[in-house]
Amino acid sequence: MTRAKKVQTAALMASPEDVEQQFYEALREADLDKLMAVWADDEEVICVHPGGPRMVGQAAVRAAFEAVFSNGAVHVEPGNVRRVHSLGCAMHSVVEKVQLATAEGARTGYVMATNVYLKTAHGWRMVAHHASPGTPNEPPEVIETPAVLH
């Protein structure tokens, strides 16, 4: 992908939600160029796949997803999104529902993931994706109830 096309794609991402949508579409389509277009042009971007090492930098992230896509598309849907936004940074905690093909047939797994986005001169871009090891059941969510009502 050319630098001009990458910037053009990034310019269309006017919000962290736009970036997240393109990221998961790219996973489902096994489209490495589309996936890499969501990442910030920064050598400090990080990605951690379930149970894997921390990949730092564009080249390491690209190689990791290239290896993932060698097995085909990733059938994943983000859900139960929790968002924390500020003027120039956003963090989304998501539950990824992943459809897996196994020897026993189709299975569903759940992965807790954190996606971090930064507002850049070229629009919002991903700077971190961190995914936990998966589980066969959707993980429970613990929500603290305030002890004092105002």
N, C-alpha and C. Protein backbone atom coordinates (compact mmCIF):
# COMPACT_ATOMS: atom_id res chain seq x y z
N MET A 1 0.85 -1.17 0.00
CA MET A 1 0.00 0.00 0.00
C MET A 1 0.89 1.23 0.00
N THR A 2 0.55 2.19 -0.81
CA THR A 2 1.35 3.40 -0.87
C THR A 2 1.06 4.27 0.33
N ARG A 3 2.03 5.14 0.65
CA ARG A 3 1.87 6.08 1.77
C ARG A 3 0.64 6.96 1.55
N ALA A 4 0.41 7.44 0.31
CA ALA A 4 -0.75 8.31 0.02
C ALA A 4 -2.05 7.57 0.28
N LYS A 5 -2.14 6.31 -0.11
CA LYS A 5 -3.36 5.54 0.13
C LYS A 5 -3.56 5.32 1.62
N LYS A 6 -2.48 5.05 2.36
CA LYS A 6 -2.58 4.84 3.79
C LYS A 6 -3.10 6.10 4.48
N VAL A 7 -2.57 7.27 4.12
CA VAL A 7 -3.01 8.52 4.71
C VAL A 7 -4.46 8.80 4.33
N GLN A 8 -4.82 8.53 3.07
CA GLN A 8 -6.19 8.75 2.63
C GLN A 8 -7.14 7.88 3.44
N THR A 9 -6.82 6.61 3.65
CA THR A 9 -7.66 5.73 4.44
C THR A 9 -7.76 6.23 5.86
N ALA A 10 -6.65 6.68 6.44
CA ALA A 10 -6.66 7.17 7.80
C ALA A 10 -7.50 8.42 7.94
N ALA A 11 -7.48 9.29 6.93
CA ALA A 11 -8.24 10.54 7.00
C ALA A 11 -9.73 10.27 7.11
N LEU A 12 -10.19 9.13 6.61
CA LEU A 12 -11.60 8.78 6.69
C LEU A 12 -12.01 8.34 8.10
N MET A 13 -11.04 8.07 8.94
CA MET A 13 -11.32 7.58 10.29
C MET A 13 -11.43 8.77 11.24
N ALA A 14 -12.64 9.31 11.33
CA ALA A 14 -12.87 10.53 12.09
C ALA A 14 -13.11 10.28 13.57
N SER A 15 -13.17 9.03 13.99
CA SER A 15 -13.41 8.72 15.40
C SER A 15 -12.74 7.40 15.75
N PRO A 16 -12.54 7.15 17.04
CA PRO A 16 -12.01 5.84 17.44
C PRO A 16 -12.92 4.70 16.99
N GLU A 17 -14.23 4.95 16.96
CA GLU A 17 -15.18 3.93 16.51
C GLU A 17 -14.96 3.57 15.05
N ASP A 18 -14.61 4.56 14.21
CA ASP A 18 -14.30 4.29 12.80
C ASP A 18 -13.08 3.39 12.68
N VAL A 19 -12.06 3.67 13.49
CA VAL A 19 -10.84 2.86 13.47
C VAL A 19 -11.16 1.43 13.89
N GLU A 20 -11.93 1.31 14.97
CA GLU A 20 -12.26 -0.02 15.49
C GLU A 20 -13.07 -0.82 14.46
N GLN A 21 -14.00 -0.17 13.80
CA GLN A 21 -14.80 -0.85 12.79
C GLN A 21 -13.91 -1.36 11.66
N GLN A 22 -12.98 -0.53 11.17
CA GLN A 22 -12.09 -0.96 10.09
C GLN A 22 -11.15 -2.07 10.56
N PHE A 23 -10.67 -1.99 11.79
CA PHE A 23 -9.78 -3.02 12.33
C PHE A 23 -10.46 -4.38 12.30
N TYR A 24 -11.70 -4.46 12.82
CA TYR A 24 -12.39 -5.75 12.87
C TYR A 24 -12.85 -6.21 11.49
N GLU A 25 -13.21 -5.28 10.60
CA GLU A 25 -13.52 -5.65 9.22
C GLU A 25 -12.29 -6.28 8.55
N ALA A 26 -11.14 -5.66 8.76
CA ALA A 26 -9.90 -6.18 8.17
C ALA A 26 -9.59 -7.57 8.68
N LEU A 27 -9.82 -7.83 9.96
CA LEU A 27 -9.62 -9.18 10.50
C LEU A 27 -10.54 -10.18 9.82
N ARG A 28 -11.83 -9.80 9.68
CA ARG A 28 -12.80 -10.71 9.06
C ARG A 28 -12.52 -10.94 7.57
N GLU A 29 -11.87 -9.95 6.92
CA GLU A 29 -11.56 -10.06 5.49
C GLU A 29 -10.14 -10.56 5.23
N ALA A 30 -9.34 -10.75 6.28
CA ALA A 30 -7.92 -11.13 6.15
C ALA A 30 -7.21 -10.15 5.22
N ASP A 31 -7.48 -8.86 5.40
CA ASP A 31 -6.92 -7.80 4.55
C ASP A 31 -5.82 -7.08 5.33
N LEU A 32 -4.58 -7.49 5.08
CA LEU A 32 -3.45 -6.97 5.84
C LEU A 32 -3.24 -5.47 5.61
N ASP A 33 -3.37 -5.00 4.37
CA ASP A 33 -3.18 -3.57 4.10
C ASP A 33 -4.25 -2.73 4.80
N LYS A 34 -5.49 -3.18 4.76
CA LYS A 34 -6.58 -2.47 5.43
C LYS A 34 -6.34 -2.45 6.94
N LEU A 35 -5.87 -3.56 7.48
CA LEU A 35 -5.59 -3.63 8.91
C LEU A 35 -4.45 -2.70 9.30
N MET A 36 -3.38 -2.69 8.52
CA MET A 36 -2.24 -1.84 8.87
C MET A 36 -2.55 -0.36 8.70
N ALA A 37 -3.54 -0.03 7.87
CA ALA A 37 -3.91 1.37 7.67
C ALA A 37 -4.51 2.00 8.92
N VAL A 38 -5.00 1.18 9.86
CA VAL A 38 -5.59 1.75 11.09
C VAL A 38 -4.52 2.09 12.12
N TRP A 39 -3.33 1.56 11.97
CA TRP A 39 -2.27 1.76 12.97
C TRP A 39 -1.59 3.11 12.79
N ALA A 40 -1.21 3.72 13.89
CA ALA A 40 -0.45 4.97 13.85
C ALA A 40 0.90 4.72 13.19
N ASP A 41 1.39 5.72 12.50
CA ASP A 41 2.69 5.63 11.85
C ASP A 41 3.76 5.95 12.89
N ASP A 42 3.97 4.99 13.79
CA ASP A 42 4.82 5.21 14.95
C ASP A 42 5.51 3.90 15.28
N GLU A 43 6.78 3.95 15.57
CA GLU A 43 7.51 2.73 15.89
C GLU A 43 7.28 2.24 17.32
N GLU A 44 6.45 2.91 18.08
CA GLU A 44 6.15 2.46 19.44
C GLU A 44 4.77 1.81 19.56
N VAL A 45 4.07 1.55 18.42
CA VAL A 45 2.79 0.85 18.50
C VAL A 45 3.04 -0.55 19.06
N ILE A 46 2.05 -1.08 19.78
CA ILE A 46 2.22 -2.41 20.38
C ILE A 46 1.00 -3.29 20.11
N CYS A 47 1.27 -4.57 20.05
CA CYS A 47 0.21 -5.56 19.86
C CYS A 47 0.58 -6.81 20.64
N VAL A 48 -0.40 -7.33 21.37
CA VAL A 48 -0.22 -8.59 22.09
C VAL A 48 -1.38 -9.49 21.71
N HIS A 49 -1.06 -10.62 21.08
CA HIS A 49 -2.08 -11.61 20.74
C HIS A 49 -2.26 -12.54 21.94
N PRO A 50 -3.39 -13.22 22.02
CA PRO A 50 -3.64 -14.10 23.18
C PRO A 50 -2.48 -15.05 23.47
N GLY A 51 -1.91 -14.92 24.65
CA GLY A 51 -0.83 -15.80 25.07
C GLY A 51 0.50 -15.56 24.38
N GLY A 52 0.60 -14.50 23.57
CA GLY A 52 1.81 -14.26 22.80
C GLY A 52 2.69 -13.19 23.38
N PRO A 53 3.82 -12.94 22.72
CA PRO A 53 4.74 -11.90 23.18
C PRO A 53 4.23 -10.52 22.80
N ARG A 54 4.88 -9.50 23.31
CA ARG A 54 4.55 -8.12 22.93
C ARG A 54 5.32 -7.78 21.67
N MET A 55 4.57 -7.40 20.61
CA MET A 55 5.19 -6.95 19.38
C MET A 55 5.23 -5.44 19.40
N VAL A 56 6.39 -4.87 19.15
CA VAL A 56 6.57 -3.42 19.19
C VAL A 56 7.04 -2.94 17.82
N GLY A 57 6.34 -1.95 17.29
CA GLY A 57 6.71 -1.36 16.01
C GLY A 57 5.89 -1.89 14.85
N GLN A 58 5.83 -1.08 13.80
CA GLN A 58 5.05 -1.41 12.61
C GLN A 58 5.43 -2.76 12.00
N ALA A 59 6.72 -3.01 11.85
CA ALA A 59 7.16 -4.24 11.19
C ALA A 59 6.75 -5.47 12.00
N ALA A 60 6.90 -5.42 13.31
CA ALA A 60 6.55 -6.56 14.16
C ALA A 60 5.04 -6.80 14.15
N VAL A 61 4.26 -5.72 14.21
CA VAL A 61 2.80 -5.86 14.18
C VAL A 61 2.36 -6.44 12.84
N ARG A 62 2.91 -5.93 11.77
CA ARG A 62 2.56 -6.44 10.43
C ARG A 62 2.89 -7.93 10.31
N ALA A 63 4.07 -8.32 10.75
CA ALA A 63 4.48 -9.73 10.66
C ALA A 63 3.56 -10.62 11.48
N ALA A 64 3.14 -10.14 12.65
CA ALA A 64 2.25 -10.93 13.50
C ALA A 64 0.91 -11.17 12.83
N PHE A 65 0.33 -10.12 12.22
CA PHE A 65 -0.96 -10.28 11.55
C PHE A 65 -0.82 -11.05 10.25
N GLU A 66 0.31 -10.93 9.60
CA GLU A 66 0.56 -11.73 8.40
C GLU A 66 0.53 -13.21 8.76
N ALA A 67 1.12 -13.57 9.90
CA ALA A 67 1.11 -14.96 10.36
C ALA A 67 -0.31 -15.40 10.71
N VAL A 68 -1.08 -14.52 11.35
CA VAL A 68 -2.47 -14.85 11.68
C VAL A 68 -3.26 -15.11 10.40
N PHE A 69 -3.11 -14.24 9.41
CA PHE A 69 -3.86 -14.36 8.17
C PHE A 69 -3.42 -15.54 7.31
N SER A 70 -2.26 -16.12 7.59
CA SER A 70 -1.84 -17.30 6.84
C SER A 70 -2.80 -18.46 7.08
N ASN A 71 -3.57 -18.39 8.17
CA ASN A 71 -4.59 -19.40 8.48
C ASN A 71 -5.97 -18.97 8.00
N GLY A 72 -6.06 -17.83 7.32
CA GLY A 72 -7.34 -17.34 6.82
C GLY A 72 -7.88 -16.20 7.67
N ALA A 73 -9.09 -15.81 7.33
CA ALA A 73 -9.75 -14.70 8.03
C ALA A 73 -10.05 -15.07 9.47
N VAL A 74 -10.17 -14.05 10.30
CA VAL A 74 -10.51 -14.23 11.71
C VAL A 74 -11.98 -13.82 11.86
N HIS A 75 -12.81 -14.77 12.19
CA HIS A 75 -14.24 -14.52 12.32
C HIS A 75 -14.51 -14.00 13.73
N VAL A 76 -14.47 -12.67 13.86
CA VAL A 76 -14.54 -12.03 15.18
C VAL A 76 -15.53 -10.89 15.14
N GLU A 77 -16.27 -10.74 16.23
CA GLU A 77 -17.20 -9.62 16.40
C GLU A 77 -16.94 -9.00 17.77
N PRO A 78 -16.64 -7.71 17.80
CA PRO A 78 -16.46 -7.06 19.11
C PRO A 78 -17.83 -6.77 19.73
N GLY A 79 -17.89 -6.89 21.03
CA GLY A 79 -19.14 -6.60 21.74
C GLY A 79 -18.86 -6.07 23.12
N ASN A 80 -19.91 -5.68 23.80
CA ASN A 80 -19.82 -5.20 25.18
C ASN A 80 -18.68 -4.20 25.34
N VAL A 81 -18.67 -3.19 24.49
CA VAL A 81 -17.59 -2.21 24.45
C VAL A 81 -17.73 -1.21 25.59
N ARG A 82 -16.66 -1.03 26.31
CA ARG A 82 -16.56 0.01 27.36
C ARG A 82 -15.56 1.03 26.85
N ARG A 83 -15.95 2.30 26.86
CA ARG A 83 -15.12 3.36 26.26
C ARG A 83 -14.71 4.39 27.29
N VAL A 84 -13.45 4.82 27.16
CA VAL A 84 -12.94 5.97 27.91
C VAL A 84 -12.31 6.88 26.86
N HIS A 85 -12.85 8.10 26.72
CA HIS A 85 -12.37 9.03 25.70
C HIS A 85 -11.89 10.32 26.34
N SER A 86 -10.87 10.91 25.75
CA SER A 86 -10.44 12.27 26.08
C SER A 86 -10.29 12.99 24.74
N LEU A 87 -9.78 14.19 24.75
CA LEU A 87 -9.66 14.95 23.51
C LEU A 87 -8.78 14.27 22.47
N GLY A 88 -7.69 13.67 22.90
CA GLY A 88 -6.75 13.12 21.93
C GLY A 88 -6.44 11.66 22.08
N CYS A 89 -7.12 10.97 23.01
CA CYS A 89 -6.82 9.57 23.26
C CYS A 89 -8.12 8.85 23.64
N ALA A 90 -8.21 7.58 23.26
CA ALA A 90 -9.39 6.78 23.61
C ALA A 90 -8.94 5.35 23.90
N MET A 91 -9.63 4.72 24.84
CA MET A 91 -9.37 3.33 25.18
C MET A 91 -10.70 2.60 25.14
N HIS A 92 -10.74 1.49 24.42
CA HIS A 92 -11.93 0.65 24.36
C HIS A 92 -11.59 -0.73 24.90
N SER A 93 -12.38 -1.18 25.85
CA SER A 93 -12.29 -2.55 26.34
C SER A 93 -13.44 -3.31 25.69
N VAL A 94 -13.11 -4.38 24.96
CA VAL A 94 -14.14 -5.12 24.23
C VAL A 94 -14.07 -6.61 24.56
N VAL A 95 -15.20 -7.27 24.37
CA VAL A 95 -15.25 -8.72 24.42
C VAL A 95 -15.36 -9.19 22.98
N GLU A 96 -14.33 -9.87 22.50
CA GLU A 96 -14.32 -10.36 21.13
C GLU A 96 -14.93 -11.77 21.11
N LYS A 97 -15.97 -11.91 20.31
CA LYS A 97 -16.59 -13.23 20.10
C LYS A 97 -15.95 -13.80 18.84
N VAL A 98 -15.22 -14.90 19.00
CA VAL A 98 -14.45 -15.48 17.90
C VAL A 98 -15.05 -16.83 17.53
N GLN A 99 -15.32 -17.00 16.24
CA GLN A 99 -15.82 -18.28 15.73
C GLN A 99 -14.61 -19.09 15.27
N LEU A 100 -14.47 -20.29 15.80
CA LEU A 100 -13.31 -21.13 15.50
C LEU A 100 -13.74 -22.41 14.79
N ALA A 101 -12.97 -22.82 13.80
CA ALA A 101 -13.19 -24.12 13.17
C ALA A 101 -12.23 -25.11 13.81
N THR A 102 -12.78 -26.14 14.43
CA THR A 102 -11.94 -27.15 15.10
C THR A 102 -12.25 -28.52 14.50
N ALA A 103 -11.46 -29.51 14.88
CA ALA A 103 -11.69 -30.88 14.41
C ALA A 103 -13.06 -31.38 14.87
N GLU A 104 -13.56 -30.86 15.99
CA GLU A 104 -14.87 -31.26 16.51
C GLU A 104 -16.01 -30.44 15.91
N GLY A 105 -15.67 -29.49 15.04
CA GLY A 105 -16.70 -28.64 14.44
C GLY A 105 -16.54 -27.20 14.89
N ALA A 106 -17.51 -26.38 14.52
CA ALA A 106 -17.45 -24.95 14.85
C ALA A 106 -17.56 -24.74 16.36
N ARG A 107 -16.74 -23.86 16.88
CA ARG A 107 -16.74 -23.50 18.29
C ARG A 107 -16.70 -21.98 18.42
N THR A 108 -17.17 -21.50 19.55
CA THR A 108 -17.12 -20.07 19.84
C THR A 108 -16.20 -19.86 21.03
N GLY A 109 -15.37 -18.85 20.94
CA GLY A 109 -14.49 -18.48 22.04
C GLY A 109 -14.62 -16.98 22.29
N TYR A 110 -14.22 -16.57 23.47
CA TYR A 110 -14.30 -15.16 23.86
C TYR A 110 -12.93 -14.68 24.32
N VAL A 111 -12.57 -13.51 23.85
CA VAL A 111 -11.29 -12.90 24.18
C VAL A 111 -11.56 -11.49 24.69
N MET A 112 -10.95 -11.15 25.81
CA MET A 112 -11.02 -9.78 26.32
C MET A 112 -9.90 -9.01 25.64
N ALA A 113 -10.23 -7.86 25.06
CA ALA A 113 -9.21 -7.08 24.35
C ALA A 113 -9.32 -5.61 24.74
N THR A 114 -8.18 -4.95 24.70
CA THR A 114 -8.11 -3.51 24.92
C THR A 114 -7.49 -2.88 23.69
N ASN A 115 -8.18 -1.90 23.15
CA ASN A 115 -7.71 -1.16 21.98
C ASN A 115 -7.51 0.29 22.39
N VAL A 116 -6.35 0.84 22.05
CA VAL A 116 -6.03 2.23 22.41
C VAL A 116 -5.85 3.01 21.11
N TYR A 117 -6.46 4.19 21.07
CA TYR A 117 -6.45 5.04 19.88
C TYR A 117 -5.91 6.41 20.23
N LEU A 118 -5.23 7.01 19.26
CA LEU A 118 -4.64 8.33 19.43
C LEU A 118 -5.08 9.21 18.27
N LYS A 119 -5.44 10.44 18.56
CA LYS A 119 -5.80 11.38 17.50
C LYS A 119 -4.51 11.95 16.93
N THR A 120 -4.31 11.76 15.63
CA THR A 120 -3.09 12.22 14.97
C THR A 120 -3.45 13.27 13.92
N ALA A 121 -2.45 13.80 13.27
CA ALA A 121 -2.67 14.76 12.18
C ALA A 121 -3.44 14.13 11.03
N HIS A 122 -3.46 12.79 10.96
CA HIS A 122 -4.13 12.08 9.87
C HIS A 122 -5.41 11.41 10.34
N GLY A 123 -5.96 11.84 11.47
CA GLY A 123 -7.17 11.22 12.01
C GLY A 123 -6.83 10.28 13.15
N TRP A 124 -7.84 9.62 13.65
CA TRP A 124 -7.65 8.67 14.74
C TRP A 124 -6.95 7.43 14.23
N ARG A 125 -6.01 6.91 15.04
CA ARG A 125 -5.26 5.72 14.66
C ARG A 125 -5.08 4.83 15.89
N MET A 126 -4.93 3.54 15.66
CA MET A 126 -4.68 2.58 16.73
C MET A 126 -3.21 2.65 17.13
N VAL A 127 -2.95 2.63 18.44
CA VAL A 127 -1.57 2.57 18.93
C VAL A 127 -1.30 1.32 19.75
N ALA A 128 -2.38 0.64 20.19
CA ALA A 128 -2.20 -0.60 20.96
C ALA A 128 -3.41 -1.50 20.82
N HIS A 129 -3.14 -2.79 20.72
CA HIS A 129 -4.18 -3.83 20.76
C HIS A 129 -3.62 -4.92 21.66
N HIS A 130 -4.33 -5.22 22.73
CA HIS A 130 -3.87 -6.23 23.68
C HIS A 130 -5.01 -7.20 23.93
N ALA A 131 -4.81 -8.48 23.60
CA ALA A 131 -5.85 -9.49 23.73
C ALA A 131 -5.44 -10.56 24.73
N SER A 132 -6.38 -10.93 25.59
CA SER A 132 -6.12 -11.95 26.61
C SER A 132 -6.28 -13.34 25.99
N PRO A 133 -5.80 -14.36 26.69
CA PRO A 133 -6.10 -15.72 26.23
C PRO A 133 -7.61 -15.94 26.21
N GLY A 134 -8.07 -16.71 25.27
CA GLY A 134 -9.51 -16.92 25.11
C GLY A 134 -10.09 -17.91 26.10
N THR A 135 -11.42 -17.88 26.17
CA THR A 135 -12.17 -18.81 27.01
C THR A 135 -13.37 -19.31 26.20
N PRO A 136 -13.89 -20.50 26.53
CA PRO A 136 -15.03 -21.01 25.78
C PRO A 136 -16.35 -20.31 26.15
N ASN A 137 -16.38 -19.65 27.29
CA ASN A 137 -17.58 -18.96 27.75
C ASN A 137 -17.33 -17.47 27.85
N GLU A 138 -18.37 -16.69 27.62
CA GLU A 138 -18.21 -15.24 27.74
C GLU A 138 -17.84 -14.91 29.18
N PRO A 139 -16.75 -14.17 29.37
CA PRO A 139 -16.31 -13.86 30.73
C PRO A 139 -17.30 -12.93 31.42
N PRO A 140 -17.48 -13.13 32.71
CA PRO A 140 -18.39 -12.23 33.44
C PRO A 140 -17.80 -10.84 33.57
N GLU A 141 -18.65 -9.89 33.79
CA GLU A 141 -18.20 -8.51 33.98
C GLU A 141 -18.54 -8.12 35.41
N VAL A 142 -17.55 -7.62 36.13
CA VAL A 142 -17.75 -7.16 37.49
C VAL A 142 -17.84 -5.65 37.45
N ILE A 143 -18.97 -5.13 37.88
CA ILE A 143 -19.17 -3.69 37.89
C ILE A 143 -19.36 -3.24 39.33
N GLU A 144 -18.49 -2.36 39.74
CA GLU A 144 -18.55 -1.86 41.11
C GLU A 144 -19.72 -0.88 41.24
N THR A 145 -20.53 -1.10 42.26
CA THR A 145 -21.65 -0.19 42.53
C THR A 145 -21.17 0.84 43.55
N PRO A 146 -21.41 2.12 43.29
CA PRO A 146 -20.98 3.14 44.24
C PRO A 146 -21.57 2.91 45.62
N ALA A 147 -20.74 3.08 46.64
CA ALA A 147 -21.21 2.87 48.01
C ALA A 147 -22.03 4.05 48.50
N VAL A 148 -21.82 5.23 47.91
CA VAL A 148 -22.52 6.44 48.35
C VAL A 148 -23.30 7.01 47.17
N LEU A 149 -24.57 7.25 47.37
CA LEU A 149 -25.37 7.89 46.34
C LEU A 149 -25.40 9.38 46.59
N HIS A 150 -25.24 10.15 45.56
CA HIS A 150 -25.22 11.62 45.71
C HIS A 150 -26.53 12.20 45.30
